[in-house]
Amino acid sequence: MSTTSDSAAQRRGKAPAGERVADWADGRLGIYSLAKANMRKIFPDHWSFMLGEVCLYSFIVIILTGVYLTLFFHPSMSEVVYEGPYVPMQGVRMSEAFQSTLDISFEVRGGLLIRQIHHWAALVFLAGMFTHMMRVFFTGAFRKPREINWLFGFLLFFLGMLTGFTGYSLPDDLLSGTGLRFIEGVFLSIPVVGTYISMFVFGGEFPGTDLIARLYPVHVLLLPGIMLGLLVAHLILVFYHKHTQYPGAGKTEKNVVGMPLLPVYMAKAGGFFFLVFGVIAVLSAVATINPIWTIGPYRPDQVSTGAQPDWYMGFAEGLVRVMPGWEITAWGHTLVLGVFIPIVLFPLVLFAIGLYPFIESWITGDKREHHILDRPRNAPTRTAFGVAWITAYFVMLVGGGNDLWATHFHLSINSITWFVRIAFFVGPVLAFIATKRICLGLQRRDKDKVLHGRETGIIKRLPHGEFIEVHEPLAQEQLHILTQHEQPEPYEIGPEVDENGVKRKIKRSQKLRSKLSKGYYGGDNVIPKPTREEYHEITSGHGHH
């Protein structure tokens, strides 16, 4: 019937209803021209680019499950007596927030699974963000014109940490209450204004009566809203700047080799979304996380055994646990350095990686646009710095769980604490040196492969009795990948006197930049690429087997 009417409409010169609606929308929103310009946009096909998609899809899962949970959660610290179906908790006094969380877990259909998916998705999101950022860092994808996009990604990771902390604090259980007590100690360690900040946040003496009600809008509205805005801005810049790509045949700074967004990439992305959702759902179904019914409601006079934050906050926890209990008392006031110093160090260490693109750009003086990624081995100083940063992070993660390490491996907690204190300073240095040497070794190996070819494993005996291994020349594409990277010269200050013999005024910043630049490109920090003459000399038969 509809087909007949549409045909009649066409015979009368009138477009079908769907086409008229599309024309109406396009005339006001410009959807067709926008879609035409972007739906065929090319995206490179490499597995590491899916790390960003894992972050995006897990964030969508967080939003969907979070909306469901808000329908049943009561953000109140008013005390009630539990009379629900979970027998061990019956008759126990608890907050409405804790009771509603128990109701979600045991009375709401599918509530416990949604809670688990929400929490696991948050962990996957932050793990994906961490891994994605490190992929961007090690390949140099943060360079011009993507510095702002790197900051957006870093802020997403940082805000994700804050959102995760506020989220697992909402149930008002003994574990989350212990974490809030930790935060209160952080506030109180701040000189002069610490007491006022604590009273303002908690609405009085800890734990107060308003904290959950205040954390709730921050967790469900403020932080997710900011993150959503950053995420949209991040994706817009990815479209605008076009995607980076790994070096290879036909890939230049002015093109992108890959698949079109529609239909190929969108089809793969849609399937990958359900794959990520499925993995999170399976994790949530088989691995229980944050079982608040076994922990109990928060009581200020109790501390849960083996209290640990989620992994992404373990760094801050470790800094406080291994810091000596130093205090300074003056003018009737006590400055608790054992808490204040670690909390100052935490953002400094965290933001060191966030500001790194601008630091590297200043040191190297590289202001060009980059769309071809670096192989990590060809940027040994940057790679070594990244590994050192990760080492410091995970050393302090060990410090944050020093009690569990001690109980599970039957070790002295004091020994673990001293190990972490030493490793925090020594570990990153050793990691930096070792990583840099490994990168240089890989560069030497690449140079040898270019000049001598690939080892075939075939042993040949020459007429005079010498045994040699037969090498096979590399394909042109492999040669391009191994030799396409640039090797800039270190920044030089120049002569200290000008052509007239007058001493030049050289700023300290220039001297510092010159020294740091030599650390990137000078001396033993890079292996020279094989020259065309060396390659032709070897491949022409002189010394090539």
Protein backbone atom coordinates (compact mmCIF):
# COMPACT_ATOMS: atom_id res chain seq x y z
CA MET A 1 0.00 0.00 0.00
CA SER A 2 2.79 2.39 0.94
CA THR A 3 4.73 1.49 -2.20
CA THR A 4 1.74 2.34 -4.34
CA SER A 5 1.20 5.69 -2.62
CA ASP A 6 4.92 6.56 -2.90
CA SER A 7 4.86 5.74 -6.62
CA ALA A 8 1.75 7.85 -7.08
CA ALA A 9 3.43 10.68 -5.20
CA GLN A 10 6.44 10.45 -7.49
CA ARG A 11 4.18 10.47 -10.59
CA ARG A 12 2.59 13.64 -9.25
CA GLY A 13 6.12 15.12 -8.85
CA LYS A 14 6.05 14.94 -5.05
CA ALA A 15 8.98 13.34 -3.21
CA PRO A 16 8.36 10.54 -0.65
CA ALA A 17 7.76 11.59 2.95
CA GLY A 18 11.14 10.31 4.16
CA GLU A 19 12.99 12.27 1.49
CA ARG A 20 11.02 15.43 2.29
CA VAL A 21 11.93 15.12 5.99
CA ALA A 22 15.59 14.60 5.06
CA ASP A 23 15.53 17.66 2.78
CA TRP A 24 13.86 19.73 5.51
CA ALA A 25 16.51 18.74 8.08
CA ASP A 26 19.40 19.25 5.63
CA GLY A 27 18.18 22.73 4.72
CA ARG A 28 18.36 23.77 8.37
CA LEU A 29 21.21 21.68 9.78
CA GLY A 30 23.43 20.98 6.77
CA ILE A 31 23.51 17.28 7.64
CA TYR A 32 24.07 16.02 4.08
CA SER A 33 27.08 18.20 3.33
CA LEU A 34 28.54 17.42 6.75
CA ALA A 35 28.06 13.69 6.27
CA LYS A 36 29.40 13.81 2.71
CA ALA A 37 32.57 15.49 3.90
CA ASN A 38 33.22 13.19 6.87
CA MET A 39 31.60 9.80 6.35
CA ARG A 40 34.30 8.79 3.85
CA LYS A 41 37.12 9.98 6.09
CA ILE A 42 40.03 7.53 6.11
CA PHE A 43 41.20 5.86 9.33
CA PRO A 44 44.40 3.77 9.60
CA ASP A 45 43.94 0.10 10.41
CA HIS A 46 46.23 -0.82 13.31
CA TRP A 47 45.34 -2.76 16.45
CA SER A 48 46.81 -0.16 18.83
CA PHE A 49 44.26 2.43 17.68
CA MET A 50 41.56 0.26 19.24
CA LEU A 51 42.83 1.25 22.69
CA GLY A 52 41.11 4.60 22.31
CA GLU A 53 37.93 2.82 21.25
CA VAL A 54 38.05 0.69 24.40
CA CYS A 55 38.06 3.92 26.42
CA LEU A 56 35.14 5.36 24.44
CA TYR A 57 32.98 2.24 24.64
CA SER A 58 33.64 1.63 28.32
CA PHE A 59 32.70 5.28 28.98
CA ILE A 60 29.39 4.69 27.16
CA VAL A 61 28.81 1.61 29.32
CA ILE A 62 29.52 3.68 32.44
CA ILE A 63 26.96 6.30 31.40
CA LEU A 64 24.26 3.73 30.54
CA THR A 65 24.65 1.73 33.75
CA GLY A 66 25.06 4.89 35.83
CA VAL A 67 21.71 6.25 34.61
CA TYR A 68 20.06 2.97 35.67
CA LEU A 69 21.64 3.04 39.13
CA THR A 70 20.57 6.63 39.80
CA LEU A 71 16.93 5.50 39.67
CA PHE A 72 17.36 3.44 42.85
CA PHE A 73 20.18 5.05 44.85
CA HIS A 74 19.38 7.39 47.77
CA PRO A 75 22.29 9.77 48.51
CA SER A 76 21.51 10.33 52.17
CA MET A 77 23.50 9.75 55.35
CA SER A 78 20.37 9.61 57.52
CA GLU A 79 20.51 6.49 59.69
CA VAL A 80 18.00 3.66 59.29
CA VAL A 81 17.73 0.08 60.54
CA TYR A 82 18.06 -2.52 57.79
CA GLU A 83 15.15 -4.95 57.45
CA GLY A 84 15.86 -6.20 53.94
CA PRO A 85 16.34 -9.72 52.55
CA TYR A 86 20.07 -9.98 53.34
CA VAL A 87 19.84 -11.76 56.70
CA PRO A 88 23.36 -11.04 58.11
CA MET A 89 22.65 -7.28 57.94
CA GLN A 90 19.15 -7.33 59.40
CA GLY A 91 18.84 -5.08 62.45
CA VAL A 92 22.09 -3.21 61.68
CA ARG A 93 22.04 0.58 61.73
CA MET A 94 23.30 2.09 58.50
CA SER A 95 22.89 5.12 56.23
CA GLU A 96 20.20 5.29 53.57
CA ALA A 97 22.99 5.32 50.97
CA PHE A 98 24.28 1.96 52.19
CA GLN A 99 20.77 0.52 52.49
CA SER A 100 19.82 1.58 48.96
CA THR A 101 23.03 0.01 47.64
CA LEU A 102 22.06 -3.25 49.37
CA ASP A 103 18.58 -2.96 47.88
CA ILE A 104 20.08 -2.47 44.40
CA SER A 105 22.23 -5.57 44.94
CA PHE A 106 19.53 -7.90 46.33
CA GLU A 107 16.08 -6.54 45.45
CA VAL A 108 16.31 -4.67 42.13
CA ARG A 109 16.10 -7.05 39.18
CA GLY A 110 19.55 -7.19 37.60
CA GLY A 111 20.77 -4.52 40.04
CA LEU A 112 23.83 -6.39 41.26
CA LEU A 113 24.97 -7.15 37.70
CA ILE A 114 24.51 -3.49 36.70
CA ARG A 115 26.50 -2.40 39.76
CA GLN A 116 29.28 -4.80 38.83
CA ILE A 117 29.27 -3.69 35.17
CA HIS A 118 29.39 -0.04 36.25
CA HIS A 119 32.40 -0.60 38.51
CA TRP A 120 34.26 -2.88 36.11
CA ALA A 121 33.65 -0.49 33.22
CA ALA A 122 35.21 2.30 35.28
CA LEU A 123 38.30 0.18 35.89
CA VAL A 124 38.51 -0.79 32.21
CA PHE A 125 38.06 2.85 31.19
CA LEU A 126 40.97 4.05 33.33
CA ALA A 127 43.16 1.09 32.36
CA GLY A 128 42.36 1.80 28.71
CA MET A 129 43.10 5.51 29.18
CA PHE A 130 46.44 4.71 30.81
CA THR A 131 47.44 2.28 28.04
CA HIS A 132 46.16 4.57 25.28
CA MET A 133 48.09 7.54 26.68
CA MET A 134 51.27 5.49 26.86
CA ARG A 135 50.81 4.40 23.22
CA VAL A 136 50.42 8.04 22.23
CA PHE A 137 53.42 9.00 24.37
CA PHE A 138 55.87 6.36 23.13
CA THR A 139 55.01 6.93 19.46
CA GLY A 140 55.18 10.74 19.69
CA ALA A 141 51.55 11.16 18.59
CA PHE A 142 51.28 14.16 20.95
CA ARG A 143 53.46 16.40 18.77
CA LYS A 144 52.18 19.38 16.82
CA PRO A 145 49.30 19.83 16.04
CA ARG A 146 47.98 17.44 18.72
CA GLU A 147 49.32 18.96 21.96
CA ILE A 148 45.88 20.28 22.94
CA ASN A 149 44.31 16.90 22.23
CA TRP A 150 46.93 15.27 24.46
CA LEU A 151 45.92 17.64 27.25
CA PHE A 152 42.27 16.73 26.71
CA GLY A 153 43.15 13.04 27.01
CA PHE A 154 45.26 13.63 30.10
CA LEU A 155 42.46 15.62 31.75
CA LEU A 156 40.04 12.81 30.91
CA PHE A 157 42.33 10.38 32.73
CA PHE A 158 42.71 12.70 35.73
CA LEU A 159 38.99 13.45 35.96
CA GLY A 160 38.29 9.74 35.54
CA MET A 161 40.36 9.10 38.65
CA LEU A 162 38.36 11.69 40.59
CA THR A 163 35.06 10.34 39.26
CA GLY A 164 36.04 6.81 40.20
CA PHE A 165 36.98 7.91 43.71
CA THR A 166 33.68 9.76 44.23
CA GLY A 167 31.81 6.78 42.80
CA TYR A 168 33.14 4.10 45.12
CA SER A 169 32.69 6.50 48.06
CA LEU A 170 28.92 6.78 47.52
CA PRO A 171 27.82 3.42 49.06
CA ASP A 172 29.09 4.63 52.48
CA ASP A 173 30.54 1.22 53.31
CA LEU A 174 33.48 0.63 55.63
CA LEU A 175 36.02 0.46 52.78
CA SER A 176 34.93 3.71 51.10
CA GLY A 177 34.64 5.39 54.49
CA THR A 178 38.25 4.48 55.20
CA GLY A 179 39.20 6.14 51.92
CA LEU A 180 37.28 9.28 52.87
CA ARG A 181 39.06 9.28 56.22
CA PHE A 182 42.31 9.22 54.25
CA ILE A 183 41.14 12.26 52.27
CA GLU A 184 40.25 14.05 55.49
CA GLY A 185 43.82 13.52 56.68
CA VAL A 186 45.05 14.99 53.39
CA PHE A 187 42.91 18.10 53.87
CA LEU A 188 44.03 18.55 57.47
CA SER A 189 47.72 18.34 56.46
CA ILE A 190 47.39 21.48 54.28
CA PRO A 191 48.90 24.41 56.19
CA VAL A 192 46.63 27.25 57.37
CA VAL A 193 43.51 26.39 55.33
CA GLY A 194 43.36 22.59 55.82
CA THR A 195 40.87 22.67 58.69
CA TYR A 196 38.54 25.02 56.84
CA ILE A 197 38.63 22.87 53.69
CA SER A 198 37.80 19.74 55.71
CA MET A 199 34.89 21.44 57.49
CA PHE A 200 33.56 22.78 54.19
CA VAL A 201 33.75 19.44 52.34
CA PHE A 202 32.34 17.26 55.12
CA GLY A 203 29.86 19.81 56.46
CA GLY A 204 31.37 19.71 59.94
CA GLU A 205 33.42 17.19 61.89
CA PHE A 206 34.19 14.02 59.97
CA PRO A 207 32.22 12.15 58.72
CA GLY A 208 29.50 14.80 58.92
CA THR A 209 26.01 14.34 57.55
CA ASP A 210 26.16 15.97 54.11
CA LEU A 211 29.11 14.36 52.32
CA ILE A 212 27.25 11.67 50.33
CA ALA A 213 24.63 14.18 49.24
CA ARG A 214 27.43 16.49 48.05
CA LEU A 215 29.44 13.76 46.31
CA TYR A 216 26.36 12.51 44.44
CA PRO A 217 25.83 15.47 42.04
CA VAL A 218 29.59 15.76 41.59
CA HIS A 219 29.77 12.09 40.58
CA VAL A 220 26.65 11.86 38.39
CA LEU A 221 26.53 15.35 36.89
CA LEU A 222 29.53 17.66 37.28
CA LEU A 223 32.49 15.37 36.52
CA PRO A 224 30.73 13.26 33.82
CA GLY A 225 29.51 16.46 32.16
CA ILE A 226 33.03 17.87 31.99
CA MET A 227 34.38 14.52 30.78
CA LEU A 228 31.71 14.28 28.10
CA GLY A 229 32.62 17.76 26.85
CA LEU A 230 36.31 16.86 26.78
CA LEU A 231 35.53 13.60 24.99
CA VAL A 232 33.53 15.36 22.29
CA ALA A 233 36.28 17.97 21.86
CA HIS A 234 38.86 15.17 21.70
CA LEU A 235 36.97 13.36 18.92
CA ILE A 236 36.39 16.59 16.98
CA LEU A 237 40.13 17.29 17.01
CA VAL A 238 40.85 13.71 15.91
CA PHE A 239 38.59 14.32 12.88
CA TYR A 240 40.04 17.75 12.23
CA HIS A 241 43.72 16.85 12.47
CA LYS A 242 43.22 13.44 10.79
CA HIS A 243 44.62 10.29 12.34
CA THR A 244 48.28 9.55 12.87
CA GLN A 245 49.74 6.47 11.20
CA TYR A 246 52.73 4.19 11.55
CA PRO A 247 55.51 4.47 8.96
CA GLY A 248 55.14 2.30 5.90
CA ALA A 249 54.97 2.21 2.13
CA GLY A 250 52.94 5.04 0.64
CA LYS A 251 52.46 6.79 4.00
CA THR A 252 53.53 10.42 4.21
CA GLU A 253 52.90 13.46 6.40
CA LYS A 254 50.25 14.61 3.90
CA ASN A 255 48.05 11.54 3.49
CA VAL A 256 46.30 8.82 5.49
CA VAL A 257 46.31 5.19 4.36
CA GLY A 258 43.48 3.06 5.73
CA MET A 259 39.76 2.38 5.53
CA PRO A 260 36.82 4.79 5.10
CA LEU A 261 34.74 5.64 8.15
CA LEU A 262 31.53 4.49 6.42
CA PRO A 263 30.79 1.65 5.96
CA VAL A 264 33.95 -0.34 6.79
CA TYR A 265 35.22 1.38 9.92
CA MET A 266 31.74 1.95 11.38
CA ALA A 267 30.86 -1.72 10.94
CA LYS A 268 34.05 -2.83 12.67
CA ALA A 269 33.60 -0.22 15.41
CA GLY A 270 30.03 -1.35 16.06
CA GLY A 271 31.11 -4.94 16.43
CA PHE A 272 33.99 -3.95 18.67
CA PHE A 273 31.62 -2.00 20.94
CA PHE A 274 29.57 -5.13 21.62
CA LEU A 275 32.78 -7.10 22.12
CA VAL A 276 33.99 -4.64 24.77
CA PHE A 277 30.55 -4.58 26.39
CA GLY A 278 30.52 -8.40 26.39
CA VAL A 279 33.94 -8.71 28.00
CA ILE A 280 32.97 -6.23 30.73
CA ALA A 281 29.70 -8.11 31.30
CA VAL A 282 31.51 -11.45 31.59
CA LEU A 283 34.01 -9.95 34.05
CA SER A 284 31.14 -8.54 36.07
CA ALA A 285 29.28 -11.85 36.10
CA VAL A 286 32.19 -14.04 37.22
CA ALA A 287 34.41 -11.70 39.30
CA THR A 288 32.75 -9.85 42.18
CA ILE A 289 34.14 -6.43 42.98
CA ASN A 290 33.33 -4.24 45.99
CA PRO A 291 30.99 -6.67 47.83
CA ILE A 292 29.77 -4.12 50.37
CA TRP A 293 27.52 -6.67 52.12
CA THR A 294 30.63 -8.46 53.41
CA ILE A 295 32.30 -5.20 54.48
CA GLY A 296 29.45 -3.54 56.31
CA PRO A 297 28.43 0.09 56.79
CA TYR A 298 30.94 2.75 57.74
CA ARG A 299 31.72 3.37 61.39
CA PRO A 300 34.27 6.06 62.37
CA ASP A 301 35.76 3.78 65.03
CA GLN A 302 36.43 0.88 62.63
CA VAL A 303 38.85 0.20 59.76
CA SER A 304 38.38 -2.60 57.26
CA THR A 305 41.18 -5.15 57.06
CA GLY A 306 43.33 -4.89 53.93
CA ALA A 307 41.72 -1.62 52.89
CA GLN A 308 42.91 -0.79 49.37
CA PRO A 309 41.76 1.82 46.86
CA ASP A 310 41.19 0.97 43.22
CA TRP A 311 44.47 0.55 41.35
CA TYR A 312 44.56 4.03 39.82
CA MET A 313 44.62 5.69 43.26
CA GLY A 314 47.24 3.27 44.61
CA PHE A 315 50.05 5.66 43.68
CA ALA A 316 48.79 8.35 46.07
CA GLU A 317 48.17 5.75 48.77
CA GLY A 318 51.69 4.38 48.36
CA LEU A 319 53.30 7.80 48.66
CA VAL A 320 51.61 8.38 52.01
CA ARG A 321 52.28 4.86 53.35
CA VAL A 322 56.02 4.87 52.72
CA MET A 323 56.66 8.49 53.70
CA PRO A 324 58.35 8.83 57.13
CA GLY A 325 56.10 10.37 59.77
CA TRP A 326 57.85 13.74 59.81
CA GLU A 327 56.26 16.64 61.67
CA ILE A 328 57.21 20.24 62.33
CA THR A 329 55.72 22.11 65.29
CA ALA A 330 55.95 25.91 65.35
CA TRP A 331 53.92 28.68 66.97
CA GLY A 332 51.52 26.18 68.44
CA HIS A 333 50.74 24.52 65.07
CA THR A 334 51.86 21.17 63.67
CA LEU A 335 52.75 20.69 60.01
CA VAL A 336 52.33 17.00 59.12
CA LEU A 337 55.00 16.55 56.44
CA GLY A 338 54.40 12.79 56.36
CA VAL A 339 51.10 13.48 54.57
CA PHE A 340 51.61 16.92 53.05
CA ILE A 341 54.79 16.11 51.05
CA PRO A 342 53.32 12.99 49.35
CA ILE A 343 50.16 14.87 48.39
CA VAL A 344 52.28 17.61 46.83
CA LEU A 345 54.38 15.01 45.00
CA PHE A 346 51.35 13.15 43.62
CA PRO A 347 50.11 15.90 41.24
CA LEU A 348 53.70 16.86 40.35
CA VAL A 349 54.51 13.32 39.21
CA LEU A 350 51.14 13.00 37.48
CA PHE A 351 51.32 16.32 35.64
CA ALA A 352 54.94 15.71 34.60
CA ILE A 353 53.64 13.35 31.93
CA GLY A 354 50.81 15.73 31.03
CA LEU A 355 53.11 18.66 30.30
CA TYR A 356 55.82 16.59 28.63
CA PRO A 357 54.85 17.45 24.98
CA PHE A 358 55.49 21.13 25.60
CA ILE A 359 58.78 20.39 27.36
CA GLU A 360 60.00 18.18 24.51
CA SER A 361 58.96 20.75 21.91
CA TRP A 362 60.97 23.43 23.72
CA ILE A 363 64.05 21.21 24.12
CA THR A 364 64.15 19.98 20.54
CA GLY A 365 62.90 23.19 18.93
CA ASP A 366 60.68 21.09 16.65
CA LYS A 367 57.71 23.22 15.54
CA ARG A 368 56.70 21.16 12.50
CA GLU A 369 53.50 19.15 12.11
CA HIS A 370 53.86 15.40 12.55
CA HIS A 371 51.41 12.79 11.28
CA ILE A 372 53.82 9.84 10.97
CA LEU A 373 54.46 8.11 14.30
CA ASP A 374 57.87 7.39 15.75
CA ARG A 375 59.07 3.92 16.48
CA PRO A 376 59.86 4.07 20.24
CA ARG A 377 63.40 2.80 19.68
CA ASN A 378 64.15 5.81 17.48
CA ALA A 379 63.34 8.21 20.35
CA PRO A 380 65.35 6.55 23.13
CA THR A 381 65.31 9.46 25.59
CA ARG A 382 61.54 9.92 25.37
CA THR A 383 60.97 6.15 25.63
CA ALA A 384 63.31 5.90 28.61
CA PHE A 385 61.53 8.77 30.36
CA GLY A 386 58.16 7.10 29.83
CA VAL A 387 59.36 3.76 31.21
CA ALA A 388 60.92 5.55 34.20
CA TRP A 389 57.59 7.28 34.89
CA ILE A 390 55.68 4.00 34.69
CA THR A 391 58.26 2.39 36.99
CA ALA A 392 57.76 5.12 39.61
CA TYR A 393 53.99 4.70 39.34
CA PHE A 394 54.05 0.94 39.86
CA VAL A 395 56.65 1.07 42.62
CA MET A 396 54.30 3.29 44.60
CA LEU A 397 51.42 0.98 43.70
CA VAL A 398 53.37 -1.72 45.55
CA GLY A 399 53.77 0.70 48.46
CA GLY A 400 50.03 1.29 48.51
CA GLY A 401 49.49 -2.43 49.13
CA ASN A 402 52.43 -3.04 51.45
CA ASP A 403 50.20 -4.76 54.03
CA LEU A 404 48.86 -7.24 51.47
CA TRP A 405 52.35 -7.96 50.14
CA ALA A 406 53.47 -8.63 53.70
CA THR A 407 50.59 -10.97 54.58
CA HIS A 408 50.43 -12.86 51.27
CA PHE A 409 54.19 -13.42 50.89
CA HIS A 410 55.05 -13.60 54.61
CA LEU A 411 57.38 -10.62 54.49
CA SER A 412 58.16 -7.86 56.94
CA ILE A 413 56.05 -4.77 56.27
CA ASN A 414 58.97 -2.61 57.36
CA SER A 415 61.23 -4.31 54.81
CA ILE A 416 58.67 -3.72 52.06
CA THR A 417 58.33 -0.07 53.08
CA TRP A 418 62.08 0.50 52.97
CA PHE A 419 62.32 -1.34 49.65
CA VAL A 420 59.67 0.95 48.15
CA ARG A 421 61.37 4.06 49.57
CA ILE A 422 64.66 3.12 47.92
CA ALA A 423 63.07 1.80 44.71
CA PHE A 424 61.11 5.04 44.21
CA PHE A 425 64.39 6.91 43.68
CA VAL A 426 66.59 4.15 42.27
CA GLY A 427 64.04 2.23 40.17
CA PRO A 428 63.19 5.00 37.67
CA VAL A 429 66.89 5.81 37.18
CA LEU A 430 67.76 2.17 36.47
CA ALA A 431 64.69 1.84 34.21
CA PHE A 432 65.74 4.98 32.31
CA ILE A 433 69.29 3.71 31.74
CA ALA A 434 68.23 0.17 30.82
CA THR A 435 65.49 1.33 28.43
CA LYS A 436 67.81 3.75 26.69
CA ARG A 437 70.46 1.06 26.21
CA ILE A 438 67.82 -1.35 24.85
CA CYS A 439 66.58 1.27 22.37
CA LEU A 440 70.11 1.96 21.18
CA GLY A 441 70.72 -1.78 20.86
CA LEU A 442 67.60 -2.12 18.73
CA GLN A 443 68.78 0.78 16.56
CA ARG A 444 72.11 -1.01 16.01
CA ARG A 445 70.19 -4.18 15.11
CA ASP A 446 68.08 -2.24 12.58
CA LYS A 447 71.23 -0.75 11.05
CA ASP A 448 72.77 -4.19 10.74
CA LYS A 449 69.62 -5.55 9.10
CA VAL A 450 69.62 -2.71 6.57
CA LEU A 451 73.27 -3.23 5.64
CA HIS A 452 73.48 -7.02 5.80
CA GLY A 453 69.91 -8.21 5.34
CA ARG A 454 67.81 -10.70 7.26
CA GLU A 455 69.39 -13.76 8.86
CA THR A 456 68.04 -16.84 7.08
CA GLY A 457 69.46 -19.49 9.42
CA ILE A 458 71.23 -21.16 6.44
CA ILE A 459 74.90 -21.94 7.12
CA LYS A 460 77.24 -22.03 4.13
CA ARG A 461 80.83 -23.23 3.99
CA LEU A 462 83.19 -21.26 1.80
CA PRO A 463 85.93 -22.96 -0.31
CA HIS A 464 88.63 -21.95 2.18
CA GLY A 465 86.72 -23.58 5.08
CA GLU A 466 85.03 -20.56 6.66
CA PHE A 467 81.41 -21.00 7.78
CA ILE A 468 79.05 -18.08 7.21
CA GLU A 469 75.32 -17.48 7.57
CA VAL A 470 73.49 -16.52 4.40
CA HIS A 471 71.65 -13.20 4.67
CA GLU A 472 68.63 -12.30 2.61
CA PRO A 473 68.18 -8.69 1.43
CA LEU A 474 65.24 -6.83 2.93
CA ALA A 475 62.23 -5.78 0.89
CA GLN A 476 61.97 -2.13 -0.05
CA GLU A 477 59.05 -1.60 2.37
CA GLN A 478 61.12 -2.96 5.29
CA LEU A 479 64.07 -0.80 4.29
CA HIS A 480 61.80 2.24 4.27
CA ILE A 481 60.42 1.52 7.75
CA LEU A 482 63.93 1.06 9.19
CA THR A 483 65.39 4.19 7.62
CA GLN A 484 62.53 6.70 7.29
CA HIS A 485 63.06 8.35 10.69
CA GLU A 486 64.85 11.68 11.00
CA GLN A 487 67.92 12.35 13.11
CA PRO A 488 67.95 16.07 13.96
CA GLU A 489 71.06 17.81 15.19
CA PRO A 490 71.25 19.02 18.82
CA TYR A 491 70.46 22.65 19.53
CA GLU A 492 73.67 24.71 19.52
CA ILE A 493 74.10 28.02 21.31
CA GLY A 494 76.74 29.19 18.88
CA PRO A 495 79.98 31.08 19.58
CA GLU A 496 80.19 33.02 22.83
CA VAL A 497 81.48 36.10 20.99
CA ASP A 498 80.05 37.73 17.87
CA GLU A 499 81.93 38.68 14.69
CA ASN A 500 83.14 41.88 16.36
CA GLY A 501 84.67 40.05 19.29
CA VAL A 502 81.96 41.23 21.69
CA LYS A 503 80.81 38.63 24.20
CA ARG A 504 77.24 37.58 23.56
CA LYS A 505 74.68 37.51 26.33
CA ILE A 506 73.57 33.89 26.61
CA LYS A 507 70.57 33.16 28.78
CA ARG A 508 70.61 30.32 31.27
CA SER A 509 67.53 28.88 29.57
CA GLN A 510 69.52 28.61 26.32
CA LYS A 511 72.33 26.75 28.08
CA LEU A 512 69.84 24.39 29.73
CA ARG A 513 68.08 23.80 26.43
CA SER A 514 71.37 23.03 24.71
CA LYS A 515 72.35 20.47 27.36
CA LEU A 516 68.95 18.79 27.28
CA SER A 517 68.94 18.79 23.47
CA LYS A 518 72.25 16.92 23.46
CA GLY A 519 70.58 14.39 25.74
CA TYR A 520 68.08 13.77 22.94
CA TYR A 521 70.21 13.91 19.80
CA GLY A 522 73.85 14.24 20.70
CA GLY A 523 76.75 11.88 21.23
CA ASP A 524 75.78 8.42 22.42
CA ASN A 525 72.05 9.12 22.45
CA VAL A 526 71.43 8.08 18.86
CA ILE A 527 72.87 5.53 16.42
CA PRO A 528 73.59 7.08 13.00
CA LYS A 529 71.47 5.64 10.20
CA PRO A 530 73.30 3.75 7.45
CA THR A 531 74.19 6.03 4.59
CA ARG A 532 73.34 5.32 0.96
CA GLU A 533 77.07 4.82 0.26
CA GLU A 534 77.40 2.22 3.03
CA TYR A 535 74.37 0.35 1.75
CA HIS A 536 75.59 0.28 -1.87
CA GLU A 537 79.08 -0.77 -0.79
CA ILE A 538 77.74 -3.69 1.22
CA THR A 539 75.10 -4.83 -1.27
CA SER A 540 77.47 -4.59 -4.22
CA GLY A 541 79.34 -7.61 -2.89
CA HIS A 542 82.00 -6.11 -0.64
CA GLY A 543 81.61 -8.03 2.57
CA HIS A 544 78.00 -9.14 1.93
CA HIS A 545 77.15 -12.81 2.22
